[in-house]
C-alpha atoms as a PDB file:
ATOM      1  CA  MET A   1      30.844 -30.606 -59.218  1.00  0.00           C
ATOM      2  CA  THR A   2      34.228 -29.891 -57.634  1.00  0.00           C
ATOM      3  CA  VAL A   3      36.090 -26.646 -58.206  1.00  0.00           C
ATOM      4  CA  ILE A   4      39.843 -26.885 -58.130  1.00  0.00           C
ATOM      5  CA  LEU A   5      41.630 -23.649 -57.368  1.00  0.00           C
ATOM      6  CA  PRO A   6      45.034 -22.978 -58.786  1.00  0.00           C
ATOM      7  CA  SER A   7      47.752 -23.382 -56.146  1.00  0.00           C
ATOM      8  CA  THR A   8      48.639 -19.659 -56.216  1.00  0.00           C
ATOM      9  CA  ARG A   9      45.081 -18.823 -55.309  1.00  0.00           C
ATOM     10  CA  ILE A  10      45.113 -21.279 -52.402  1.00  0.00           C
ATOM     11  CA  GLU A  11      48.374 -19.755 -51.144  1.00  0.00           C
ATOM     12  CA  ASP A  12      46.885 -16.245 -51.361  1.00  0.00           C
ATOM     13  CA  VAL A  13      43.834 -17.263 -49.332  1.00  0.00           C
ATOM     14  CA  TYR A  14      46.052 -19.034 -46.798  1.00  0.00           C
ATOM     15  CA  ASN A  15      48.305 -15.943 -46.470  1.00  0.00           C
ATOM     16  CA  GLN A  16      45.269 -13.694 -45.950  1.00  0.00           C
ATOM     17  CA  ILE A  17      43.975 -15.993 -43.231  1.00  0.00           C
ATOM     18  CA  ARG A  18      47.394 -15.951 -41.520  1.00  0.00           C
ATOM     19  CA  GLU A  19      47.449 -12.121 -41.630  1.00  0.00           C
ATOM     20  CA  LEU A  20      43.950 -11.940 -40.153  1.00  0.00           C
ATOM     21  CA  ASP A  21      44.986 -14.373 -37.436  1.00  0.00           C
ATOM     22  CA  LYS A  22      47.989 -12.132 -36.594  1.00  0.00           C
ATOM     23  CA  ARG A  23      45.694  -9.082 -36.355  1.00  0.00           C
ATOM     24  CA  ILE A  24      43.319 -10.934 -34.042  1.00  0.00           C
ATOM     25  CA  ASP A  25      46.277 -11.880 -31.810  1.00  0.00           C
ATOM     26  CA  GLN A  26      47.456  -8.233 -31.751  1.00  0.00           C
ATOM     27  CA  VAL A  27      43.976  -6.971 -30.820  1.00  0.00           C
ATOM     28  CA  ASN A  28      43.658  -9.612 -28.088  1.00  0.00           C
ATOM     29  CA  SER A  29      47.055  -8.629 -26.721  1.00  0.00           C
ATOM     30  CA  LYS A  30      46.075  -4.921 -26.615  1.00  0.00           C
ATOM     31  CA  LEU A  31      42.738  -5.707 -24.964  1.00  0.00           C
ATOM     32  CA  ALA A  32      44.478  -7.851 -22.357  1.00  0.00           C
ATOM     33  CA  SER A  33      46.623  -4.858 -21.370  1.00  0.00           C
ATOM     34  CA  ILE A  34      43.556  -2.619 -20.997  1.00  0.00           C
ATOM     35  CA  LEU A  35      40.920  -4.933 -19.518  1.00  0.00           C
ATOM     36  CA  ASP A  36      41.063  -7.202 -16.505  1.00  0.00           C
ATOM     37  CA  LEU A  37      39.799 -10.808 -16.563  1.00  0.00           C
ATOM     38  CA  SER A  38      36.219  -9.778 -15.763  1.00  0.00           C
ATOM     39  CA  GLY A  39      36.120  -7.298 -18.673  1.00  0.00           C
ATOM     40  CA  GLY A  40      36.535  -4.213 -16.467  1.00  0.00           C
ATOM     41  CA  LEU A  41      39.176  -1.525 -16.866  1.00  0.00           C
ATOM     42  CA  ASN A  42      42.610  -2.710 -15.705  1.00  0.00           C
ATOM     43  CA  PRO A  43      43.547  -0.572 -12.649  1.00  0.00           C
ATOM     44  CA  ASP A  44      47.184  -0.420 -13.831  1.00  0.00           C
ATOM     45  CA  ILE A  45      46.318   1.153 -17.195  1.00  0.00           C
ATOM     46  CA  PHE A  46      47.500   4.654 -16.201  1.00  0.00           C
ATOM     47  CA  VAL A  47      50.674   3.628 -14.349  1.00  0.00           C
ATOM     48  CA  GLN A  48      52.886   4.629 -17.295  1.00  0.00           C
ATOM     49  CA  ALA A  49      51.188   8.041 -17.611  1.00  0.00           C
ATOM     50  CA  GLY A  50      52.374   9.347 -14.251  1.00  0.00           C
ATOM     51  CA  HIS A  51      50.536  10.988 -11.354  1.00  0.00           C
ATOM     52  CA  PRO A  52      48.338  13.635 -13.097  1.00  0.00           C
ATOM     53  CA  PHE A  53      46.666  11.019 -15.298  1.00  0.00           C
ATOM     54  CA  THR A  54      46.029   8.225 -12.826  1.00  0.00           C
ATOM     55  CA  MET A  55      42.260   8.676 -13.043  1.00  0.00           C
ATOM     56  CA  LEU A  56      39.825   9.756 -15.678  1.00  0.00           C
ATOM     57  CA  PRO A  57      38.827  13.442 -15.469  1.00  0.00           C
ATOM     58  CA  HIS A  58      35.267  14.291 -14.439  1.00  0.00           C
ATOM     59  CA  GLU A  59      33.355  17.510 -14.947  1.00  0.00           C
ATOM     60  CA  CYS A  60      32.461  19.158 -11.651  1.00  0.00           C
ATOM     61  CA  ALA A  61      31.761  22.542 -10.094  1.00  0.00           C
ATOM     62  CA  SER A  62      31.437  24.049  -6.645  1.00  0.00           C
ATOM     63  CA  VAL A  63      30.090  27.379  -5.363  1.00  0.00           C
ATOM     64  CA  ARG A  64      31.027  28.256  -1.771  1.00  0.00           C
ATOM     65  CA  PHE A  65      28.870  30.601   0.268  1.00  0.00           C
ATOM     66  CA  GLY A  66      30.807  32.377   3.008  1.00  0.00           C
ATOM     67  CA  THR A  67      29.250  33.277   6.366  1.00  0.00           C
ATOM     68  CA  GLN A  68      26.531  35.863   5.825  1.00  0.00           C
ATOM     69  CA  THR A  69      23.384  37.226   7.415  1.00  0.00           C
ATOM     70  CA  ILE A  70      20.080  35.860   6.157  1.00  0.00           C
ATOM     71  CA  ALA A  71      17.070  38.015   7.015  1.00  0.00           C
ATOM     72  CA  THR A  72      13.960  36.458   8.494  1.00  0.00           C
ATOM     73  CA  GLY A  73      11.293  36.217   5.830  1.00  0.00           C
ATOM     74  CA  THR A  74       8.489  34.455   4.054  1.00  0.00           C
ATOM     75  CA  VAL A  75      10.241  33.657   0.743  1.00  0.00           C
ATOM     76  CA  TYR A  76      13.398  31.828  -0.306  1.00  0.00           C
ATOM     77  CA  ALA A  77      16.442  34.015  -1.001  1.00  0.00           C
ATOM     78  CA  THR A  78      19.606  33.350  -3.002  1.00  0.00           C
ATOM     79  CA  PRO A  79      22.650  33.868  -0.765  1.00  0.00           C
ATOM     80  CA  THR A  80      25.742  35.703  -1.977  1.00  0.00           C
ATOM     81  CA  ALA A  81      28.478  33.418  -3.268  1.00  0.00           C
ATOM     82  CA  ALA A  82      32.126  33.755  -2.400  1.00  0.00           C
ATOM     83  CA  SER A  83      34.365  34.937  -5.241  1.00  0.00           C
ATOM     84  CA  THR A  84      36.265  32.572  -7.523  1.00  0.00           C
ATOM     85  CA  SER A  85      39.389  33.446  -5.536  1.00  0.00           C
ATOM     86  CA  ASN A  86      37.949  31.186  -2.811  1.00  0.00           C
ATOM     87  CA  ALA A  87      39.469  27.733  -3.401  1.00  0.00           C
ATOM     88  CA  ALA A  88      36.067  26.102  -2.792  1.00  0.00           C
ATOM     89  CA  SER A  89      34.482  27.927  -5.772  1.00  0.00           C
ATOM     90  CA  TYR A  90      35.607  26.349  -9.044  1.00  0.00           C
ATOM     91  CA  GLY A  91      34.379  24.847 -12.298  1.00  0.00           C
ATOM     92  CA  PHE A  92      35.975  22.061 -14.330  1.00  0.00           C
ATOM     93  CA  GLY A  93      33.922  21.557 -17.499  1.00  0.00           C
ATOM     94  CA  MET A  94      30.936  23.290 -15.861  1.00  0.00           C
ATOM     95  CA  ASN A  95      30.419  27.047 -15.654  1.00  0.00           C
ATOM     96  CA  ILE A  96      30.058  28.868 -12.347  1.00  0.00           C
ATOM     97  CA  ASP A  97      28.741  32.386 -11.919  1.00  0.00           C
ATOM     98  CA  THR A  98      29.651  33.727  -8.480  1.00  0.00           C
ATOM     99  CA  THR A  99      27.719  36.953  -9.137  1.00  0.00           C
ATOM    100  CA  ASN A 100      24.421  35.059  -9.418  1.00  0.00           C
ATOM    101  CA  ALA A 101      25.593  32.042  -7.343  1.00  0.00           C
ATOM    102  CA  THR A 102      24.776  29.522 -10.083  1.00  0.00           C
ATOM    103  CA  ILE A 103      26.247  26.505 -11.863  1.00  0.00           C
ATOM    104  CA  SER A 104      25.430  26.037 -15.570  1.00  0.00           C
ATOM    105  CA  ILE A 105      25.716  22.592 -17.138  1.00  0.00           C
ATOM    106  CA  LEU A 106      25.592  21.552 -20.785  1.00  0.00           C
ATOM    107  CA  GLY A 107      24.108  18.163 -21.561  1.00  0.00           C
ATOM    108  CA  GLN A 108      21.722  16.098 -23.605  1.00  0.00           C
ATOM    109  CA  PRO A 109      18.186  16.520 -22.183  1.00  0.00           C
ATOM    110  CA  GLY A 110      16.933  13.323 -20.592  1.00  0.00           C
ATOM    111  CA  GLU A 111      20.276  11.545 -21.123  1.00  0.00           C
ATOM    112  CA  SER A 112      22.989  13.446 -19.223  1.00  0.00           C
ATOM    113  CA  ILE A 113      22.945  12.631 -15.507  1.00  0.00           C
ATOM    114  CA  ILE A 114      24.285  15.034 -12.880  1.00  0.00           C
ATOM    115  CA  GLY A 115      24.783  14.517  -9.148  1.00  0.00           C
ATOM    116  CA  PHE A 116      24.316  17.373  -6.671  1.00  0.00           C
ATOM    117  CA  THR A 117      25.360  17.787  -3.060  1.00  0.00           C
ATOM    118  CA  LEU A 118      24.559  20.953  -1.144  1.00  0.00           C
ATOM    119  CA  TRP A 119      24.406  22.031   2.460  1.00  0.00           C
ATOM    120  CA  TRP A 120      23.725  25.101   4.556  1.00  0.00           C
ATOM    121  CA  GLN A 121      24.771  25.618   8.168  1.00  0.00           C
ATOM    122  CA  TRP A 122      22.700  27.944  10.365  1.00  0.00           C
ATOM    123  CA  ALA A 123      23.820  29.679  13.570  1.00  0.00           C
ATOM    124  CA  ALA A 124      22.275  28.410  16.805  1.00  0.00           C
ATOM    125  CA  ASN A 125      18.745  29.687  17.414  1.00  0.00           C
ATOM    126  CA  SER A 126      15.674  27.984  18.902  1.00  0.00           C
ATOM    127  CA  SER A 127      12.955  29.855  16.984  1.00  0.00           C
ATOM    128  CA  GLY A 128      11.331  29.087  13.668  1.00  0.00           C
ATOM    129  CA  THR A 129      12.128  26.972  10.641  1.00  0.00           C
ATOM    130  CA  ARG A 130      15.260  26.575   8.492  1.00  0.00           C
ATOM    131  CA  ALA A 131      14.984  25.551   4.881  1.00  0.00           C
ATOM    132  CA  MET A 132      17.105  25.194   1.762  1.00  0.00           C
ATOM    133  CA  GLN A 133      16.163  24.407  -1.810  1.00  0.00           C
ATOM    134  CA  TRP A 134      18.064  23.342  -4.921  1.00  0.00           C
ATOM    135  CA  ARG A 135      16.580  24.808  -8.114  1.00  0.00           C
ATOM    136  CA  GLU A 136      16.745  24.288 -11.868  1.00  0.00           C
ATOM    137  CA  VAL A 137      16.526  28.018 -12.477  1.00  0.00           C
ATOM    138  CA  ASN A 138      15.541  27.937 -16.170  1.00  0.00           C
ATOM    139  CA  ALA A 139      13.383  24.789 -15.920  1.00  0.00           C
ATOM    140  CA  GLY A 140      11.385  25.680 -12.791  1.00  0.00           C
ATOM    141  CA  ASN A 141      12.026  22.495 -10.763  1.00  0.00           C
ATOM    142  CA  ALA A 142      13.064  22.465  -7.103  1.00  0.00           C
ATOM    143  CA  VAL A 143      14.024  20.019  -4.329  1.00  0.00           C
ATOM    144  CA  GLN A 144      13.605  21.241  -0.755  1.00  0.00           C
ATOM    145  CA  ASP A 145      14.943  20.306   2.669  1.00  0.00           C
ATOM    146  CA  LEU A 146      12.973  21.707   5.608  1.00  0.00           C
ATOM    147  CA  ILE A 147      13.982  21.411   9.270  1.00  0.00           C
ATOM    148  CA  PHE A 148      12.740  22.870  12.523  1.00  0.00           C
ATOM    149  CA  SER A 149      15.192  24.360  14.989  1.00  0.00           C
ATOM    150  CA  ASN A 150      15.125  22.502  18.299  1.00  0.00           C
ATOM    151  CA  SER A 151      17.706  24.089  20.591  1.00  0.00           C
ATOM    152  CA  ALA A 152      19.126  27.548  21.127  1.00  0.00           C
ATOM    153  CA  SER A 153      22.567  26.022  21.711  1.00  0.00           C
ATOM    154  CA  LEU A 154      22.854  23.886  18.550  1.00  0.00           C
ATOM    155  CA  VAL A 155      23.667  24.887  14.998  1.00  0.00           C
ATOM    156  CA  THR A 156      21.359  23.382  12.387  1.00  0.00           C
ATOM    157  CA  TYR A 157      22.123  22.015   8.935  1.00  0.00           C
ATOM    158  CA  ASN A 158      20.147  21.587   5.761  1.00  0.00           C
ATOM    159  CA  HIS A 159      21.508  18.960   3.365  1.00  0.00           C
ATOM    160  CA  ILE A 160      20.424  17.716  -0.079  1.00  0.00           C
ATOM    161  CA  THR A 161      22.016  14.981  -2.190  1.00  0.00           C
ATOM    162  CA  HIS A 162      20.257  14.616  -5.516  1.00  0.00           C
ATOM    163  CA  VAL A 163      20.784  12.842  -8.866  1.00  0.00           C
ATOM    164  CA  ARG A 164      18.999  14.243 -11.902  1.00  0.00           C
ATOM    165  CA  ARG A 165      18.778  14.067 -15.685  1.00  0.00           C
ATOM    166  CA  VAL A 166      19.376  17.479 -17.236  1.00  0.00           C
ATOM    167  CA  ALA A 167      16.172  19.130 -18.456  1.00  0.00           C
ATOM    168  CA  LEU A 168      17.647  21.398 -21.127  1.00  0.00           C
ATOM    169  CA  VAL A 169      20.778  21.576 -23.291  1.00  0.00           C
ATOM    170  CA  ASP A 170      22.041  24.371 -21.007  1.00  0.00           C
ATOM    171  CA  THR A 171      20.572  24.149 -17.497  1.00  0.00           C
ATOM    172  CA  THR A 172      21.351  26.539 -14.636  1.00  0.00           C
ATOM    173  CA  TYR A 173      21.158  25.500 -10.967  1.00  0.00           C
ATOM    174  CA  ASP A 174      21.252  27.442  -7.706  1.00  0.00           C
ATOM    175  CA  LEU A 175      20.759  27.132  -3.954  1.00  0.00           C
ATOM    176  CA  GLN A 176      18.234  29.182  -1.985  1.00  0.00           C
ATOM    177  CA  VAL A 177      17.694  29.441   1.763  1.00  0.00           C
ATOM    178  CA  TYR A 178      14.892  30.499   4.086  1.00  0.00           C
ATOM    179  CA  GLN A 179      14.508  31.083   7.808  1.00  0.00           C
ATOM    180  CA  ASN A 180      11.787  32.624   9.950  1.00  0.00           C
ATOM    181  CA  SER A 181      13.396  32.909  13.379  1.00  0.00           C
ATOM    182  CA  GLY A 182      12.033  36.436  13.807  1.00  0.00           C
ATOM    183  CA  GLY A 183      15.430  38.085  13.287  1.00  0.00           C
ATOM    184  CA  ASN A 184      18.571  37.915  11.171  1.00  0.00           C
ATOM    185  CA  LEU A 185      20.475  34.623  11.280  1.00  0.00           C
ATOM    186  CA  ASN A 186      24.012  33.866  10.073  1.00  0.00           C
ATOM    187  CA  GLY A 187      24.753  30.932   7.817  1.00  0.00           C
ATOM    188  CA  ASP A 188      27.165  29.538   5.237  1.00  0.00           C
ATOM    189  CA  GLY A 189      27.052  26.712   2.716  1.00  0.00           C
ATOM    190  CA  LEU A 190      28.138  24.911  -0.432  1.00  0.00           C
ATOM    191  CA  LEU A 191      26.575  23.902  -3.773  1.00  0.00           C
ATOM    192  CA  THR A 192      28.371  21.206  -5.795  1.00  0.00           C
ATOM    193  CA  ALA A 193      27.603  19.392  -9.040  1.00  0.00           C
ATOM    194  CA  TYR A 194      29.367  16.503 -10.775  1.00  0.00           C
ATOM    195  CA  ARG A 195      28.707  14.669 -14.029  1.00  0.00           C
ATOM    196  CA  ILE A 196      27.770  11.017 -13.652  1.00  0.00           C
ATOM    197  CA  ARG A 197      26.996  10.418 -17.328  1.00  0.00           C
END
């Protein structure tokens, strides 16, 4: 059995198809201006926006620890952070607390991924051990870097680079240091965090 459509109906269907075809062409044209041939983001996409918008913004934070005396001891201690007036202490989308020397990050537990880089520089001293640890303060996890001093004439550095999924909706991180040279020892450092996902 053959169904014959009235000619006005055929024209309506044809016109709808032409409109859909135009929309598909418009979408393809817009995608071509955003994506490169491999499907990645076109590097020229922000050219029209001007200098401040030439890259996507990322959440990040930094807490700078100025030179200070760290007492010899048997437990890790949290150093005193520099104030927010120090250009190296800042937070963009992440909260910093220079009083407690912490960075607080909001995220979806198990899904949000944060990168950390931290370092501590110790004054030259040939005695004892130098150590630094990165901590999830409210989750109880820690990553440590332990080194042994080897020369009275060389400064020593602790360094940690770490990538982690956030443990809680609001997770707080800090840096702690330790040395057992037998006397006070000067040091300074930096704790940074940046959102990967």
